[in-house]
Protein backbone atom coordinates (compact mmCIF):
# COMPACT_ATOMS: atom_id res chain seq x y z
CA UNK A 1 11.21 -11.72 -8.67
CA UNK A 2 10.06 -12.38 -12.22
CA UNK A 3 12.06 -15.05 -13.97
CA UNK A 4 14.36 -13.50 -16.51
CA UNK A 5 13.97 -9.94 -15.20
CA UNK A 6 16.78 -7.51 -15.88
CA UNK A 7 18.68 -5.33 -13.42
CA UNK A 8 16.72 -2.33 -14.68
CA UNK A 9 13.37 -3.87 -13.71
CA UNK A 10 14.28 -5.95 -10.66
CA UNK A 11 13.59 -3.10 -8.24
CA UNK A 12 9.92 -3.12 -9.18
CA UNK A 13 9.37 -6.40 -7.35
CA UNK A 14 11.49 -5.98 -4.23
CA UNK A 15 9.35 -5.52 -1.08
CA UNK A 16 10.51 -2.73 1.18
CA UNK A 17 10.98 -3.68 4.84
CA UNK A 18 12.73 -1.12 6.97
CA UNK A 19 12.29 0.68 10.25
CA UNK A 20 12.28 4.45 10.35
CA UNK A 21 12.79 6.35 13.57
CA UNK A 22 10.42 9.31 13.62
CA UNK A 23 11.10 11.77 16.41
CA UNK A 24 8.34 13.78 18.03
CA UNK A 25 7.74 17.21 16.54
CA UNK A 26 5.42 20.02 17.48
CA UNK A 27 3.14 19.25 14.53
CA UNK A 28 2.94 15.60 15.57
CA UNK A 29 2.04 16.56 19.13
CA UNK A 30 -0.68 18.88 17.83
CA UNK A 31 -2.16 16.03 15.79
CA UNK A 32 -2.04 13.68 18.78
CA UNK A 33 -3.83 16.24 20.95
CA UNK A 34 -6.61 16.62 18.40
CA UNK A 35 -7.01 12.86 17.95
CA UNK A 36 -7.40 12.24 21.67
CA UNK A 37 -10.77 14.02 21.54
CA UNK A 38 -12.10 11.83 18.73
CA UNK A 39 -14.34 8.78 18.88
CA UNK A 40 -13.66 5.63 16.84
CA UNK A 41 -16.31 3.08 15.90
CA UNK A 42 -15.77 -0.51 14.75
CA UNK A 43 -18.55 -1.75 12.49
CA UNK A 44 -20.40 -4.99 13.04
CA UNK A 45 -20.74 -5.76 9.31
CA UNK A 46 -18.36 -5.33 6.40
CA UNK A 47 -21.38 -4.54 4.22
CA UNK A 48 -21.82 -1.17 6.00
CA UNK A 49 -18.33 0.14 5.15
CA UNK A 50 -19.52 2.05 2.08
CA UNK A 51 -22.84 3.25 3.53
CA UNK A 52 -22.05 4.26 7.13
CA UNK A 53 -22.57 7.99 6.56
CA UNK A 54 -25.97 7.29 5.02
CA UNK A 55 -26.89 5.02 7.95
CA UNK A 56 -26.05 7.73 10.49
CA UNK A 57 -28.02 10.30 8.50
CA UNK A 58 -31.07 8.03 8.66
CA UNK A 59 -30.65 8.00 12.45
CA UNK A 60 -30.82 11.81 12.40
CA UNK A 61 -27.12 12.25 13.21
CA UNK A 62 -26.38 14.78 10.48
CA UNK A 63 -23.64 16.58 12.47
CA UNK A 64 -21.46 13.44 12.73
CA UNK A 65 -19.06 12.93 9.85
CA UNK A 66 -17.25 9.66 9.22
CA UNK A 67 -13.68 9.07 8.09
CA UNK A 68 -12.67 5.54 7.10
CA UNK A 69 -9.49 4.42 8.88
CA UNK A 70 -9.28 1.05 7.15
CA UNK A 71 -10.91 -2.27 7.90
CA UNK A 72 -14.09 -1.79 9.95
CA UNK A 73 -12.76 1.27 11.77
CA UNK A 74 -14.20 4.76 11.32
CA UNK A 75 -13.32 8.02 13.01
CA UNK A 76 -16.50 9.83 14.06
CA UNK A 77 -16.12 13.61 14.08
CA UNK A 78 -18.32 16.61 14.76
CA UNK A 79 -17.84 20.33 15.39
CA UNK A 80 -20.27 19.94 18.29
CA UNK A 81 -18.00 18.01 20.64
CA UNK A 82 -20.25 18.19 23.71
CA UNK A 83 -23.24 16.91 21.75
CA UNK A 84 -21.19 14.06 20.25
CA UNK A 85 -19.75 13.11 23.65
CA UNK A 86 -23.28 12.89 25.02
CA UNK A 87 -24.46 10.77 22.07
CA UNK A 88 -21.70 8.18 22.40
CA UNK A 89 -21.61 8.18 26.21
CA UNK A 90 -25.34 7.46 26.38
CA UNK A 91 -25.98 4.37 28.47
CA UNK A 92 -28.75 3.27 26.08
CA UNK A 93 -26.07 2.48 23.49
CA UNK A 94 -28.38 3.08 20.52
CA UNK A 95 -25.45 2.27 18.22
CA UNK A 96 -25.29 -1.46 19.09
CA UNK A 97 -27.03 -2.59 15.83
CA UNK A 98 -24.40 -0.68 13.81
CA UNK A 99 -21.13 -0.81 15.73
CA UNK A 100 -19.38 -3.59 17.57
CA UNK A 101 -17.66 -1.01 19.73
CA UNK A 102 -17.28 2.76 20.07
CA UNK A 103 -14.45 4.18 22.14
CA UNK A 104 -12.00 7.05 22.35
CA UNK A 105 -9.12 7.04 19.89
CA UNK A 106 -5.79 5.85 21.28
CA UNK A 107 -2.33 5.44 19.82
CA UNK A 108 -2.96 1.67 19.56
CA UNK A 109 -6.12 2.11 17.44
CA UNK A 110 -5.47 0.31 14.16
CA UNK A 111 -7.60 -1.58 11.61
CA UNK A 112 -7.50 -5.37 11.68
CA UNK A 113 -7.94 -6.00 7.97
CA UNK A 114 -8.11 -4.56 4.46
CA UNK A 115 -11.21 -4.68 2.28
CA UNK A 116 -10.09 -5.28 -1.32
CA UNK A 117 -11.35 -6.64 -4.63
CA UNK A 118 -9.69 -9.75 -6.02
CA UNK A 119 -9.70 -10.76 -9.68
CA UNK A 120 -9.78 -14.53 -10.19
CA UNK A 121 -8.53 -15.99 -13.46
CA UNK A 122 -8.62 -19.58 -14.67
CA UNK A 123 -11.76 -20.81 -12.88
CA UNK A 124 -13.50 -23.41 -15.10
CA UNK A 125 -17.16 -22.76 -15.88
CA UNK A 126 -18.36 -26.00 -14.29
CA UNK A 127 -16.90 -24.94 -10.90
CA UNK A 128 -18.35 -21.41 -10.99
CA UNK A 129 -20.13 -20.98 -7.63
CA UNK A 130 -19.85 -18.99 -4.40
CA UNK A 131 -18.84 -22.14 -2.54
CA UNK A 132 -15.95 -22.73 -4.93
CA UNK A 133 -14.66 -19.15 -4.78
CA UNK A 134 -14.84 -19.25 -0.99
CA UNK A 135 -12.73 -22.41 -1.04
CA UNK A 136 -10.22 -20.89 -3.46
CA UNK A 137 -9.56 -17.71 -1.47
CA UNK A 138 -9.96 -18.95 2.12
CA UNK A 139 -6.28 -19.89 2.43
CA UNK A 140 -5.24 -16.23 2.24
CA UNK A 141 -8.34 -14.07 2.72
CA UNK A 142 -11.97 -14.07 3.89
CA UNK A 143 -14.65 -13.89 1.19
CA UNK A 144 -17.30 -11.19 1.74
CA UNK A 145 -19.21 -11.44 -1.53
CA UNK A 146 -18.94 -11.75 -5.30
CA UNK A 147 -19.95 -8.88 -7.53
CA UNK A 148 -23.21 -9.11 -9.48
CA UNK A 149 -21.55 -9.75 -12.84
CA UNK A 150 -19.74 -12.74 -11.37
CA UNK A 151 -22.92 -14.07 -9.73
CA UNK A 152 -24.87 -13.72 -12.96
CA UNK A 153 -22.15 -15.40 -15.08
CA UNK A 154 -21.94 -12.36 -17.35
CA UNK A 155 -18.37 -13.36 -18.15
CA UNK A 156 -16.53 -16.57 -17.37
CA UNK A 157 -12.91 -15.57 -17.99
CA UNK A 158 -12.62 -13.43 -14.87
CA UNK A 159 -14.42 -13.23 -11.52
CA UNK A 160 -14.36 -10.43 -8.95
CA UNK A 161 -14.58 -11.15 -5.23
CA UNK A 162 -14.71 -8.68 -2.36
CA UNK A 163 -12.44 -10.04 0.38
CA UNK A 164 -10.81 -9.13 3.68
CA UNK A 165 -7.05 -9.52 3.98
CA UNK A 166 -5.25 -9.42 7.33
CA UNK A 167 -1.96 -8.67 5.58
CA UNK A 168 -0.71 -5.37 4.18
CA UNK A 169 1.08 -7.23 1.36
CA UNK A 170 -0.54 -7.03 -2.06
CA UNK A 171 -2.14 -10.28 -3.19
CA UNK A 172 -0.82 -11.84 -6.39
CA UNK A 173 -0.61 -15.63 -6.36
CA UNK A 174 -1.25 -18.68 -8.48
CA UNK A 175 -2.35 -22.02 -7.10
CA UNK A 176 -3.20 -25.40 -8.61
CA UNK A 177 -6.54 -26.86 -7.52
CA UNK A 178 -7.82 -30.36 -8.21
CA UNK A 179 -11.50 -30.27 -9.25
CA UNK A 180 -12.67 -33.84 -9.57
CA UNK A 181 -10.00 -35.45 -11.74
CA UNK A 182 -9.06 -32.19 -13.51
CA UNK A 183 -6.32 -29.87 -12.25
CA UNK A 184 -6.80 -26.14 -12.81
CA UNK A 185 -4.38 -23.26 -12.30
CA UNK A 186 -6.13 -20.35 -10.57
CA UNK A 187 -4.60 -16.87 -10.45
CA UNK A 188 -5.68 -14.39 -7.74
CA UNK A 189 -4.70 -10.75 -8.27
CA UNK A 190 -5.60 -7.83 -6.04
CA UNK A 191 -7.00 -4.93 -8.05
CA UNK A 192 -4.43 -2.18 -8.25
CA UNK A 193 -1.43 -4.54 -8.28
CA UNK A 194 1.09 -3.50 -10.90
CA UNK A 195 2.49 -6.23 -13.08
CA UNK A 196 5.36 -6.16 -15.54
CA UNK A 197 4.39 -6.88 -19.12
CA UNK A 198 7.16 -8.85 -20.86
CA UNK A 199 5.59 -9.94 -24.13
CA UNK A 200 6.63 -8.99 -27.64
CA UNK A 201 4.49 -6.30 -29.23
CA UNK A 202 4.45 -4.89 -32.74
CA UNK A 203 7.35 -2.59 -31.82
CA UNK A 204 9.44 -5.28 -30.09
CA UNK A 205 9.97 -5.90 -26.39
CA UNK A 206 8.28 -3.51 -23.98
CA UNK A 207 9.74 -4.72 -20.68
CA UNK A 208 9.06 -1.50 -18.80
CA UNK A 209 5.36 -1.18 -19.55
CA UNK A 210 3.36 -1.30 -16.36
CA UNK A 211 -0.16 -2.64 -16.35
CA UNK A 212 -2.69 -2.02 -13.62
CA UNK A 213 -6.31 -3.06 -13.13
CA UNK A 214 -9.02 -0.96 -11.52
CA UNK A 215 -12.33 -2.81 -11.61
CA UNK A 216 -13.20 -3.51 -15.24
CA UNK A 217 -11.34 -0.40 -16.44
CA UNK A 218 -7.81 -0.58 -17.79
CA UNK A 219 -5.84 2.20 -16.12
CA UNK A 220 -2.60 1.83 -18.04
CA UNK A 221 -1.77 0.55 -21.50
CA UNK A 222 -1.44 -3.20 -21.55
CA UNK A 223 -0.78 -5.93 -24.04
CA UNK A 224 -3.21 -8.68 -24.99
CA UNK A 225 -1.37 -11.35 -23.00
CA UNK A 226 -1.30 -9.23 -19.83
CA UNK A 227 -5.04 -8.49 -20.14
CA UNK A 228 -5.79 -12.18 -20.33
């Protein structure tokens, strides 16, 4: 809840937790039948998430198509089922340098984490290092890497870190960190998190404006204070 929010805007910040009973239908059974024939691979490295299809192509496996299921999990599909079954059932296990495990899909197959970009605000220039960012985020997520602009200190008002979160909740938190004898307030915001802009613009209050970040690009209109 944002302090001072009105009844009209309060719903924007209420998390939804409810259980829905979904009864079996014919379409659901058809989907389950098709999934039972699929293979699922869990990657060894987070760095391969965006290049897995290219990696398999280099291995000559052009008929296998990948579908990201979240985290390190990928569904591996092919129209040539017999050929694919032979490839993944091979005792040589050629895939060991790429995948931690490859097995048949089951109803319990679920990703163990989310790969997301975090924007970090308020980090002082004298603390700008990979070790510091790792320390800042390690309480809630696992740091994978910083983007090149952050590494090269191309801007010092905002840093971007690729992280793994074990929670489905969107990350938006502020913490106070003591650096030497100086206390700094660090804000961590997951890219794509919507925030309510409550500042006064040229045309008065604009309480219902929604602002969202997507990388360095501003997706929705936002005021100067919200951008900062």
